[in-house]
C-alpha atoms as a PDB file:
ATOM      1  CA  UNK A   1      75.349  98.567  83.820  1.00  0.00           C
ATOM      2  CA  UNK A   2      73.085  96.518  81.417  1.00  0.00           C
ATOM      3  CA  UNK A   3      73.961  92.778  81.593  1.00  0.00           C
ATOM      4  CA  UNK A   4      72.207  90.588  78.701  1.00  0.00           C
ATOM      5  CA  UNK A   5      74.374  88.033  78.357  1.00  0.00           C
ATOM      6  CA  UNK A   6      74.077  84.574  80.544  1.00  0.00           C
ATOM      7  CA  UNK A   7      75.200  85.117  83.903  1.00  0.00           C
ATOM      8  CA  UNK A   8      79.085  84.023  84.179  1.00  0.00           C
ATOM      9  CA  UNK A   9      79.922  82.186  87.120  1.00  0.00           C
ATOM     10  CA  UNK A  10      82.683  83.036  89.022  1.00  0.00           C
ATOM     11  CA  UNK A  11      85.504  82.095  91.754  1.00  0.00           C
ATOM     12  CA  UNK A  12      86.789  85.084  93.490  1.00  0.00           C
ATOM     13  CA  UNK A  13      90.155  85.412  95.865  1.00  0.00           C
ATOM     14  CA  UNK A  14      89.423  88.684  98.020  1.00  0.00           C
ATOM     15  CA  UNK A  15      90.585  90.487 101.204  1.00  0.00           C
ATOM     16  CA  UNK A  16      90.622  94.018 102.306  1.00  0.00           C
ATOM     17  CA  UNK A  17      88.808  96.937 100.887  1.00  0.00           C
ATOM     18  CA  UNK A  18      89.273  96.361  97.559  1.00  0.00           C
ATOM     19  CA  UNK A  19      87.898  93.167  97.914  1.00  0.00           C
ATOM     20  CA  UNK A  20      84.820  93.721  99.488  1.00  0.00           C
ATOM     21  CA  UNK A  21      84.155  96.888  96.528  1.00  0.00           C
ATOM     22  CA  UNK A  22      85.198  94.771  94.015  1.00  0.00           C
ATOM     23  CA  UNK A  23      83.224  91.745  94.617  1.00  0.00           C
ATOM     24  CA  UNK A  24      80.265  94.097  95.280  1.00  0.00           C
ATOM     25  CA  UNK A  25      80.869  95.365  91.574  1.00  0.00           C
ATOM     26  CA  UNK A  26      80.477  91.800  90.330  1.00  0.00           C
ATOM     27  CA  UNK A  27      77.477  91.171  92.075  1.00  0.00           C
ATOM     28  CA  UNK A  28      75.863  94.301  90.698  1.00  0.00           C
ATOM     29  CA  UNK A  29      76.732  93.274  87.260  1.00  0.00           C
ATOM     30  CA  UNK A  30      74.977  89.938  87.421  1.00  0.00           C
ATOM     31  CA  UNK A  31      78.066  87.790  88.082  1.00  0.00           C
ATOM     32  CA  UNK A  32      76.864  84.311  89.748  1.00  0.00           C
ATOM     33  CA  UNK A  33      79.750  84.345  92.238  1.00  0.00           C
ATOM     34  CA  UNK A  34      79.755  80.541  93.214  1.00  0.00           C
ATOM     35  CA  UNK A  35      82.784  80.456  95.650  1.00  0.00           C
ATOM     36  CA  UNK A  36      84.797  83.176  97.669  1.00  0.00           C
ATOM     37  CA  UNK A  37      88.245  82.482  98.986  1.00  0.00           C
ATOM     38  CA  UNK A  38      89.471  84.617 101.589  1.00  0.00           C
ATOM     39  CA  UNK A  39      91.520  85.327 104.699  1.00  0.00           C
ATOM     40  CA  UNK A  40      90.823  84.559 108.372  1.00  0.00           C
ATOM     41  CA  UNK A  41      91.819  88.192 110.018  1.00  0.00           C
ATOM     42  CA  UNK A  42      94.668  87.868 111.837  1.00  0.00           C
ATOM     43  CA  UNK A  43      94.881  88.348 115.769  1.00  0.00           C
ATOM     44  CA  UNK A  44      98.103  90.389 115.412  1.00  0.00           C
ATOM     45  CA  UNK A  45      97.328  92.693 113.073  1.00  0.00           C
ATOM     46  CA  UNK A  46      95.225  96.026 113.000  1.00  0.00           C
ATOM     47  CA  UNK A  47      92.258  95.441 111.286  1.00  0.00           C
ATOM     48  CA  UNK A  48      91.208  98.827 110.002  1.00  0.00           C
ATOM     49  CA  UNK A  49      89.769  97.776 106.630  1.00  0.00           C
ATOM     50  CA  UNK A  50      86.350  95.999 105.795  1.00  0.00           C
ATOM     51  CA  UNK A  51      85.440  92.299 105.802  1.00  0.00           C
ATOM     52  CA  UNK A  52      85.093  89.884 102.541  1.00  0.00           C
ATOM     53  CA  UNK A  53      83.558  87.245 104.850  1.00  0.00           C
ATOM     54  CA  UNK A  54      80.937  89.781 106.186  1.00  0.00           C
ATOM     55  CA  UNK A  55      79.928  90.350 102.467  1.00  0.00           C
ATOM     56  CA  UNK A  56      79.542  86.515 101.730  1.00  0.00           C
ATOM     57  CA  UNK A  57      77.364  85.851 104.813  1.00  0.00           C
ATOM     58  CA  UNK A  58      75.236  88.865 103.955  1.00  0.00           C
ATOM     59  CA  UNK A  59      74.876  87.742 100.420  1.00  0.00           C
ATOM     60  CA  UNK A  60      74.736  83.914 100.939  1.00  0.00           C
ATOM     61  CA  UNK A  61      77.942  83.430  99.118  1.00  0.00           C
ATOM     62  CA  UNK A  62      79.680  80.195  99.647  1.00  0.00           C
ATOM     63  CA  UNK A  63      83.331  80.965 101.067  1.00  0.00           C
ATOM     64  CA  UNK A  64      86.208  79.179 102.600  1.00  0.00           C
ATOM     65  CA  UNK A  65      89.367  80.621 104.497  1.00  0.00           C
ATOM     66  CA  UNK A  66      92.038  78.255 103.734  1.00  0.00           C
ATOM     67  CA  UNK A  67      95.578  78.983 105.802  1.00  0.00           C
ATOM     68  CA  UNK A  68      97.431  77.894 102.237  1.00  0.00           C
ATOM     69  CA  UNK A  69      95.425  78.299  98.752  1.00  0.00           C
ATOM     70  CA  UNK A  70      97.883  75.612  97.170  1.00  0.00           C
ATOM     71  CA  UNK A  71      96.056  72.673  98.562  1.00  0.00           C
ATOM     72  CA  UNK A  72      94.349  69.830  96.511  1.00  0.00           C
ATOM     73  CA  UNK A  73      91.576  70.590  98.508  1.00  0.00           C
ATOM     74  CA  UNK A  74      91.400  73.975  97.483  1.00  0.00           C
ATOM     75  CA  UNK A  75      91.806  73.282  94.141  1.00  0.00           C
ATOM     76  CA  UNK A  76      89.113  70.319  94.159  1.00  0.00           C
ATOM     77  CA  UNK A  77      86.634  73.045  95.626  1.00  0.00           C
ATOM     78  CA  UNK A  78      87.367  75.560  92.752  1.00  0.00           C
ATOM     79  CA  UNK A  79      87.211  72.998  89.761  1.00  0.00           C
ATOM     80  CA  UNK A  80      83.806  71.980  91.411  1.00  0.00           C
ATOM     81  CA  UNK A  81      82.487  75.445  91.354  1.00  0.00           C
ATOM     82  CA  UNK A  82      82.999  75.531  87.524  1.00  0.00           C
ATOM     83  CA  UNK A  83      83.661  79.057  87.009  1.00  0.00           C
ATOM     84  CA  UNK A  84      83.880  80.872  84.073  1.00  0.00           C
ATOM     85  CA  UNK A  85      86.181  83.297  84.950  1.00  0.00           C
ATOM     86  CA  UNK A  86      88.263  83.677  88.139  1.00  0.00           C
ATOM     87  CA  UNK A  87      89.361  86.899  90.214  1.00  0.00           C
ATOM     88  CA  UNK A  88      91.647  88.019  92.758  1.00  0.00           C
ATOM     89  CA  UNK A  89      90.819  91.325  94.446  1.00  0.00           C
ATOM     90  CA  UNK A  90      93.792  91.913  97.152  1.00  0.00           C
ATOM     91  CA  UNK A  91      94.137  88.446  98.083  1.00  0.00           C
ATOM     92  CA  UNK A  92      97.455  87.782 100.077  1.00  0.00           C
ATOM     93  CA  UNK A  93      98.736  84.560  98.597  1.00  0.00           C
ATOM     94  CA  UNK A  94     100.057  83.851  94.885  1.00  0.00           C
ATOM     95  CA  UNK A  95      97.902  81.387  93.072  1.00  0.00           C
ATOM     96  CA  UNK A  96      99.476  78.314  91.782  1.00  0.00           C
ATOM     97  CA  UNK A  97      99.305  77.335  87.948  1.00  0.00           C
ATOM     98  CA  UNK A  98      97.118  74.500  88.864  1.00  0.00           C
ATOM     99  CA  UNK A  99      94.443  77.455  90.020  1.00  0.00           C
ATOM    100  CA  UNK A 100      94.945  79.415  87.033  1.00  0.00           C
ATOM    101  CA  UNK A 101      94.450  76.575  84.374  1.00  0.00           C
ATOM    102  CA  UNK A 102      90.920  76.396  85.644  1.00  0.00           C
ATOM    103  CA  UNK A 103      89.563  79.378  84.036  1.00  0.00           C
ATOM    104  CA  UNK A 104      90.828  82.641  82.763  1.00  0.00           C
ATOM    105  CA  UNK A 105      91.829  84.932  85.968  1.00  0.00           C
ATOM    106  CA  UNK A 106      92.018  88.502  86.443  1.00  0.00           C
ATOM    107  CA  UNK A 107      94.019  90.206  89.100  1.00  0.00           C
ATOM    108  CA  UNK A 108      93.281  93.637  90.374  1.00  0.00           C
ATOM    109  CA  UNK A 109      96.441  95.663  91.390  1.00  0.00           C
ATOM    110  CA  UNK A 110      97.276  98.706  93.305  1.00  0.00           C
ATOM    111  CA  UNK A 111      99.057 100.538  91.241  1.00  0.00           C
ATOM    112  CA  UNK A 112      99.548 101.933  87.048  1.00  0.00           C
ATOM    113  CA  UNK A 113     101.033  98.623  86.005  1.00  0.00           C
ATOM    114  CA  UNK A 114     103.837  98.528  85.069  1.00  0.00           C
ATOM    115  CA  UNK A 115     104.776 100.870  88.048  1.00  0.00           C
ATOM    116  CA  UNK A 116     105.186  99.288  91.415  1.00  0.00           C
ATOM    117  CA  UNK A 117     104.669  95.890  90.850  1.00  0.00           C
ATOM    118  CA  UNK A 118     104.590  93.279  94.018  1.00  0.00           C
ATOM    119  CA  UNK A 119     103.738  94.143  97.366  1.00  0.00           C
ATOM    120  CA  UNK A 120     102.307  97.208  99.246  1.00  0.00           C
ATOM    121  CA  UNK A 121     102.226  99.184  96.196  1.00  0.00           C
ATOM    122  CA  UNK A 122     100.599 102.340  97.840  1.00  0.00           C
ATOM    123  CA  UNK A 123     102.869 102.509 100.623  1.00  0.00           C
ATOM    124  CA  UNK A 124     105.838 102.321  98.038  1.00  0.00           C
ATOM    125  CA  UNK A 125     104.302 105.310  95.583  1.00  0.00           C
ATOM    126  CA  UNK A 126     103.604 107.239  98.698  1.00  0.00           C
ATOM    127  CA  UNK A 127     107.472 106.406  99.679  1.00  0.00           C
ATOM    128  CA  UNK A 128     108.929 107.620  96.844  1.00  0.00           C
ATOM    129  CA  UNK A 129     107.070 110.516  96.149  1.00  0.00           C
ATOM    130  CA  UNK A 130     104.784 109.641  93.103  1.00  0.00           C
ATOM    131  CA  UNK A 131     102.325 112.340  92.172  1.00  0.00           C
ATOM    132  CA  UNK A 132      99.739 109.894  91.299  1.00  0.00           C
ATOM    133  CA  UNK A 133      99.143 106.078  91.202  1.00  0.00           C
ATOM    134  CA  UNK A 134      95.849 104.050  90.499  1.00  0.00           C
ATOM    135  CA  UNK A 135      94.549 100.564  90.022  1.00  0.00           C
ATOM    136  CA  UNK A 136      95.070  98.327  87.322  1.00  0.00           C
ATOM    137  CA  UNK A 137      93.090  94.996  86.497  1.00  0.00           C
ATOM    138  CA  UNK A 138      95.111  92.486  84.521  1.00  0.00           C
ATOM    139  CA  UNK A 139      95.374  89.134  83.297  1.00  0.00           C
ATOM    140  CA  UNK A 140      96.730  86.731  85.963  1.00  0.00           C
ATOM    141  CA  UNK A 141     100.187  84.577  85.132  1.00  0.00           C
ATOM    142  CA  UNK A 142     102.446  82.720  87.351  1.00  0.00           C
ATOM    143  CA  UNK A 143     104.683  85.647  87.162  1.00  0.00           C
ATOM    144  CA  UNK A 144     102.892  88.223  89.412  1.00  0.00           C
ATOM    145  CA  UNK A 145     101.927  91.338  87.921  1.00  0.00           C
ATOM    146  CA  UNK A 146     102.901  90.736  84.490  1.00  0.00           C
ATOM    147  CA  UNK A 147      99.664  89.698  82.591  1.00  0.00           C
ATOM    148  CA  UNK A 148      97.944  91.914  80.003  1.00  0.00           C
ATOM    149  CA  UNK A 149      96.296  95.057  81.426  1.00  0.00           C
ATOM    150  CA  UNK A 150      92.502  95.009  80.805  1.00  0.00           C
ATOM    151  CA  UNK A 151      91.829  98.311  82.832  1.00  0.00           C
ATOM    152  CA  UNK A 152      93.140 100.933  84.740  1.00  0.00           C
ATOM    153  CA  UNK A 153      92.160 104.137  86.886  1.00  0.00           C
ATOM    154  CA  UNK A 154      94.454 106.820  87.898  1.00  0.00           C
ATOM    155  CA  UNK A 155      94.246 108.957  91.058  1.00  0.00           C
ATOM    156  CA  UNK A 156      96.360 111.967  92.399  1.00  0.00           C
ATOM    157  CA  UNK A 157      98.422 111.658  95.553  1.00  0.00           C
ATOM    158  CA  UNK A 158      98.431 114.775  97.039  1.00  0.00           C
ATOM    159  CA  UNK A 159     101.511 116.697  98.485  1.00  0.00           C
ATOM    160  CA  UNK A 160     100.529 115.483 102.132  1.00  0.00           C
ATOM    161  CA  UNK A 161      98.303 112.551 101.376  1.00  0.00           C
ATOM    162  CA  UNK A 162      99.113 109.487 103.576  1.00  0.00           C
ATOM    163  CA  UNK A 163      99.398 106.008 102.279  1.00  0.00           C
ATOM    164  CA  UNK A 164      96.169 105.159 104.016  1.00  0.00           C
ATOM    165  CA  UNK A 165      94.390 108.250 102.579  1.00  0.00           C
ATOM    166  CA  UNK A 166      95.582 107.037  98.883  1.00  0.00           C
ATOM    167  CA  UNK A 167      94.435 103.865  99.554  1.00  0.00           C
ATOM    168  CA  UNK A 168      90.901 105.433  99.670  1.00  0.00           C
ATOM    169  CA  UNK A 169      91.254 106.421  96.337  1.00  0.00           C
ATOM    170  CA  UNK A 170      92.745 103.300  95.125  1.00  0.00           C
ATOM    171  CA  UNK A 171      89.806 101.440  96.524  1.00  0.00           C
ATOM    172  CA  UNK A 172      87.471 103.777  94.577  1.00  0.00           C
ATOM    173  CA  UNK A 173      89.671 103.536  91.490  1.00  0.00           C
ATOM    174  CA  UNK A 174      89.328  99.806  91.712  1.00  0.00           C
ATOM    175  CA  UNK A 175      85.920 100.106  91.898  1.00  0.00           C
ATOM    176  CA  UNK A 176      85.696 102.333  88.693  1.00  0.00           C
ATOM    177  CA  UNK A 177      88.174  99.994  86.645  1.00  0.00           C
ATOM    178  CA  UNK A 178      86.180  97.120  87.187  1.00  0.00           C
ATOM    179  CA  UNK A 179      82.601  98.785  86.861  1.00  0.00           C
ATOM    180  CA  UNK A 180      83.790 100.501  83.488  1.00  0.00           C
ATOM    181  CA  UNK A 181      85.215  97.136  82.035  1.00  0.00           C
ATOM    182  CA  UNK A 182      83.244  94.535  83.333  1.00  0.00           C
ATOM    183  CA  UNK A 183      80.427  94.261  80.567  1.00  0.00           C
ATOM    184  CA  UNK A 184      83.278  93.892  77.756  1.00  0.00           C
ATOM    185  CA  UNK A 185      84.854  91.509  80.146  1.00  0.00           C
ATOM    186  CA  UNK A 186      81.832  89.245  80.702  1.00  0.00           C
ATOM    187  CA  UNK A 187      81.099  89.816  76.708  1.00  0.00           C
ATOM    188  CA  UNK A 188      84.942  88.362  75.856  1.00  0.00           C
ATOM    189  CA  UNK A 189      85.740  92.177  73.923  1.00  0.00           C
ATOM    190  CA  UNK A 190      87.910  93.521  76.863  1.00  0.00           C
ATOM    191  CA  UNK A 191      90.717  95.088  75.606  1.00  0.00           C
ATOM    192  CA  UNK A 192      94.360  93.731  76.036  1.00  0.00           C
ATOM    193  CA  UNK A 193      97.333  96.127  76.588  1.00  0.00           C
ATOM    194  CA  UNK A 194     100.960  94.585  77.137  1.00  0.00           C
ATOM    195  CA  UNK A 195     102.287  95.148  80.527  1.00  0.00           C
ATOM    196  CA  UNK A 196     105.918  96.415  79.551  1.00  0.00           C
ATOM    197  CA  UNK A 197     108.007  94.846  82.010  1.00  0.00           C
ATOM    198  CA  UNK A 198     111.070  96.911  81.240  1.00  0.00           C
ATOM    199  CA  UNK A 199     109.162  99.487  82.796  1.00  0.00           C
ATOM    200  CA  UNK A 200     108.400 100.193  86.635  1.00  0.00           C
ATOM    201  CA  UNK A 201     110.026  97.424  89.204  1.00  0.00           C
ATOM    202  CA  UNK A 202     108.752  95.036  91.439  1.00  0.00           C
ATOM    203  CA  UNK A 203     109.080  95.972  95.386  1.00  0.00           C
ATOM    204  CA  UNK A 204     108.503  93.726  98.383  1.00  0.00           C
ATOM    205  CA  UNK A 205     106.656  93.721 101.197  1.00  0.00           C
ATOM    206  CA  UNK A 206     107.262  95.977 104.468  1.00  0.00           C
ATOM    207  CA  UNK A 207     107.758  95.071 107.692  1.00  0.00           C
ATOM    208  CA  UNK A 208     107.451  97.428 111.011  1.00  0.00           C
ATOM    209  CA  UNK A 209     111.291  98.042 111.258  1.00  0.00           C
ATOM    210  CA  UNK A 210     111.322  99.623 107.835  1.00  0.00           C
ATOM    211  CA  UNK A 211     109.860 102.752 109.495  1.00  0.00           C
ATOM    212  CA  UNK A 212     112.870 103.506 110.872  1.00  0.00           C
ATOM    213  CA  UNK A 213     113.812 106.899 110.505  1.00  0.00           C
ATOM    214  CA  UNK A 214     117.227 108.201 109.495  1.00  0.00           C
ATOM    215  CA  UNK A 215     117.201 111.841 110.693  1.00  0.00           C
ATOM    216  CA  UNK A 216     120.329 112.493 108.500  1.00  0.00           C
ATOM    217  CA  UNK A 217     118.302 112.231 105.349  1.00  0.00           C
ATOM    218  CA  UNK A 218     116.767 115.286 103.613  1.00  0.00           C
ATOM    219  CA  UNK A 219     113.337 116.400 105.157  1.00  0.00           C
ATOM    220  CA  UNK A 220     111.339 115.654 102.010  1.00  0.00           C
ATOM    221  CA  UNK A 221     112.566 111.904 102.136  1.00  0.00           C
ATOM    222  CA  UNK A 222     111.836 111.795 105.933  1.00  0.00           C
ATOM    223  CA  UNK A 223     108.276 113.351 105.107  1.00  0.00           C
ATOM    224  CA  UNK A 224     107.633 110.653 102.487  1.00  0.00           C
ATOM    225  CA  UNK A 225     108.649 107.984 104.931  1.00  0.00           C
ATOM    226  CA  UNK A 226     105.914 109.196 107.462  1.00  0.00           C
ATOM    227  CA  UNK A 227     103.647 109.534 105.225  1.00  0.00           C
ATOM    228  CA  UNK A 228     104.071 105.943 103.673  1.00  0.00           C
ATOM    229  CA  UNK A 229     103.668 104.263 106.924  1.00  0.00           C
ATOM    230  CA  UNK A 230     101.506 106.623 109.212  1.00  0.00           C
ATOM    231  CA  UNK A 231      98.650 105.187 111.246  1.00  0.00           C
ATOM    232  CA  UNK A 232      96.802 102.935 110.952  1.00  0.00           C
ATOM    233  CA  UNK A 233     100.011 101.570 109.889  1.00  0.00           C
ATOM    234  CA  UNK A 234     102.709 101.049 112.125  1.00  0.00           C
ATOM    235  CA  UNK A 235     104.188 104.610 111.558  1.00  0.00           C
ATOM    236  CA  UNK A 236     107.687 106.084 111.262  1.00  0.00           C
ATOM    237  CA  UNK A 237     109.534 105.944 114.421  1.00  0.00           C
ATOM    238  CA  UNK A 238     113.265 106.769 116.204  1.00  0.00           C
ATOM    239  CA  UNK A 239     114.522 105.271 119.257  1.00  0.00           C
ATOM    240  CA  UNK A 240     115.690 107.538 122.202  1.00  0.00           C
ATOM    241  CA  UNK A 241     117.141 105.798 125.044  1.00  0.00           C
ATOM    242  CA  UNK A 242     114.436 102.993 126.039  1.00  0.00           C
ATOM    243  CA  UNK A 243     111.503 104.995 124.334  1.00  0.00           C
ATOM    244  CA  UNK A 244     110.260 104.292 120.949  1.00  0.00           C
ATOM    245  CA  UNK A 245     108.785 107.581 119.514  1.00  0.00           C
ATOM    246  CA  UNK A 246     106.016 107.261 116.676  1.00  0.00           C
ATOM    247  CA  UNK A 247     105.235 109.869 114.050  1.00  0.00           C
ATOM    248  CA  UNK A 248     101.281 109.990 114.438  1.00  0.00           C
ATOM    249  CA  UNK A 249     100.827 113.278 112.654  1.00  0.00           C
ATOM    250  CA  UNK A 250     103.087 115.638 111.031  1.00  0.00           C
ATOM    251  CA  UNK A 251     103.817 118.349 108.106  1.00  0.00           C
ATOM    252  CA  UNK A 252     107.177 119.104 105.996  1.00  0.00           C
ATOM    253  CA  UNK A 253     108.023 122.656 107.360  1.00  0.00           C
ATOM    254  CA  UNK A 254     107.644 124.746 104.382  1.00  0.00           C
ATOM    255  CA  UNK A 255     108.578 127.946 105.715  1.00  0.00           C
ATOM    256  CA  UNK A 256     111.922 129.298 106.719  1.00  0.00           C
ATOM    257  CA  UNK A 257     113.405 127.602 109.791  1.00  0.00           C
ATOM    258  CA  UNK A 258     116.508 128.376 109.247  1.00  0.00           C
ATOM    259  CA  UNK A 259     117.183 130.553 112.644  1.00  0.00           C
ATOM    260  CA  UNK A 260     114.584 128.424 114.986  1.00  0.00           C
ATOM    261  CA  UNK A 261     116.762 125.136 114.162  1.00  0.00           C
ATOM    262  CA  UNK A 262     120.276 126.755 113.345  1.00  0.00           C
ATOM    263  CA  UNK A 263     122.740 124.279 115.209  1.00  0.00           C
ATOM    264  CA  UNK A 264     119.962 121.745 116.321  1.00  0.00           C
ATOM    265  CA  UNK A 265     121.418 117.787 115.855  1.00  0.00           C
ATOM    266  CA  UNK A 266     119.351 115.960 113.516  1.00  0.00           C
ATOM    267  CA  UNK A 267     116.598 114.340 115.652  1.00  0.00           C
ATOM    268  CA  UNK A 268     113.578 115.185 117.843  1.00  0.00           C
ATOM    269  CA  UNK A 269     113.812 118.660 119.204  1.00  0.00           C
ATOM    270  CA  UNK A 270     111.392 120.877 120.761  1.00  0.00           C
ATOM    271  CA  UNK A 271     111.338 124.839 119.737  1.00  0.00           C
ATOM    272  CA  UNK A 272     108.710 127.513 121.293  1.00  0.00           C
ATOM    273  CA  UNK A 273     106.641 124.581 122.585  1.00  0.00           C
ATOM    274  CA  UNK A 274     106.543 123.024 119.067  1.00  0.00           C
ATOM    275  CA  UNK A 275     107.973 119.321 118.342  1.00  0.00           C
ATOM    276  CA  UNK A 276     110.010 119.061 115.766  1.00  0.00           C
ATOM    277  CA  UNK A 277     111.893 116.614 113.830  1.00  0.00           C
ATOM    278  CA  UNK A 278     115.286 118.234 112.764  1.00  0.00           C
ATOM    279  CA  UNK A 279     116.503 116.631 109.080  1.00  0.00           C
ATOM    280  CA  UNK A 280     119.991 116.377 107.444  1.00  0.00           C
ATOM    281  CA  UNK A 281     119.409 119.168 105.413  1.00  0.00           C
ATOM    282  CA  UNK A 282     119.149 121.793 107.648  1.00  0.00           C
ATOM    283  CA  UNK A 283     115.023 121.376 107.512  1.00  0.00           C
ATOM    284  CA  UNK A 284     112.482 120.146 109.521  1.00  0.00           C
ATOM    285  CA  UNK A 285     109.279 118.406 110.200  1.00  0.00           C
ATOM    286  CA  UNK A 286     106.644 120.053 112.418  1.00  0.00           C
ATOM    287  CA  UNK A 287     105.086 116.782 114.345  1.00  0.00           C
ATOM    288  CA  UNK A 288     101.528 117.861 115.673  1.00  0.00           C
ATOM    289  CA  UNK A 289     100.987 114.101 117.458  1.00  0.00           C
ATOM    290  CA  UNK A 290     103.598 112.253 118.600  1.00  0.00           C
ATOM    291  CA  UNK A 291     103.557 108.966 120.734  1.00  0.00           C
ATOM    292  CA  UNK A 292     106.017 107.544 123.185  1.00  0.00           C
ATOM    293  CA  UNK A 293     105.697 104.065 123.883  1.00  0.00           C
ATOM    294  CA  UNK A 294     102.539 104.141 122.317  1.00  0.00           C
ATOM    295  CA  UNK A 295     100.953 107.152 124.335  1.00  0.00           C
ATOM    296  CA  UNK A 296     100.665 110.659 122.657  1.00  0.00           C
ATOM    297  CA  UNK A 297     102.617 113.155 124.899  1.00  0.00           C
ATOM    298  CA  UNK A 298     102.910 116.980 124.784  1.00  0.00           C
ATOM    299  CA  UNK A 299     105.780 119.035 123.760  1.00  0.00           C
ATOM    300  CA  UNK A 300     106.647 119.881 127.452  1.00  0.00           C
ATOM    301  CA  UNK A 301     106.673 116.074 128.279  1.00  0.00           C
ATOM    302  CA  UNK A 302     109.011 115.489 125.398  1.00  0.00           C
ATOM    303  CA  UNK A 303     111.176 118.261 126.398  1.00  0.00           C
ATOM    304  CA  UNK A 304     111.800 116.622 129.791  1.00  0.00           C
ATOM    305  CA  UNK A 305     112.402 113.194 128.320  1.00  0.00           C
ATOM    306  CA  UNK A 306     114.961 114.522 125.857  1.00  0.00           C
ATOM    307  CA  UNK A 307     116.716 116.020 129.054  1.00  0.00           C
ATOM    308  CA  UNK A 308     117.194 113.235 131.057  1.00  0.00           C
END
C-alpha cells in the first residue's frame, strides 16, 4: 500500500478479531490513529477472540474503554483528537449523531450488505443456509448498516461450515476490503454504492436460549442451527429431564438412514453405538460429540441416560 499524501488522523471504535485486523490495516496504511475506543472483556463471556486493547498497548495507541459511548466525556475526547476520519470495526454499541457529526465515519459490517443487517450477521447467514457472505465497509448513518457501501469482499459458506469457521473467513474479508479501498478512502476518491434497503433485512442479537432444538423440524434446519451456534458459541441444545445436552460436533446424515431410524421418535437416539439426532422429516444428524451438562459423553452413556 503506497501512501504519499499527508497522514490522516483517525478515531477508531473497535473490538473482536475484525477490530484487531482492521486496526492493523490502518496502521500499515500510515493512518495516524489518535484514539481507540474499545470494550472491557466481560467476565461472563467466553472470550475466544483477539484483544484490541492488547494491540493498542503494544503499539502505544491511546485507548479508552467506556461502558457508554454516548456520554459528553467520550464525545469531548473524540473531538479533542481532531480526527479526519472515524471507523467502527465490530464495536458493539451504536454511535450517537453527536459523534457521527465529528468526522466522516465508516463501519465494517460482517455481511454482504444489504443482506443480514443488524446483529450477529454471520450466525444468521449460516442459520438461513446462505452459501456466501462477506464484509462490507459502509458510510455510517444514525440508522444502522444503512449508509452507502464503499467496499465489499465475498467469501463462501461451505455446507458443513460452522459460524465460527465462517467468521474466520469474514475477518479476512474485512481485512481485504479495507486494505483495497484505504488508499482511495484517504484520498477522498472511494466509490459509493447506494445501500438498497428494500433488499435483505434487519436481524436482532441472539441469546443462548435461541439454540434450543425443535426436533420436529427438517434435518437441514436443525443442522443449520447447530452450525450457526456451535462452540465457541453456546451451542444447539435439547433438554431431557434434568439434563441439558449440547451438540458439540455433528454432521448431516447424507446417506439413507431410513431402516436404521424407522419408528424412532424425533430427538436424541443411540443406534449401533452411534449418537443420532432424529428430525421431523425422517432424516438425522450424526452427532460426533455431545455434551451432557457440560461434560462430553459416549454413546453408551447416553443410551443408559435415555433409558432412565
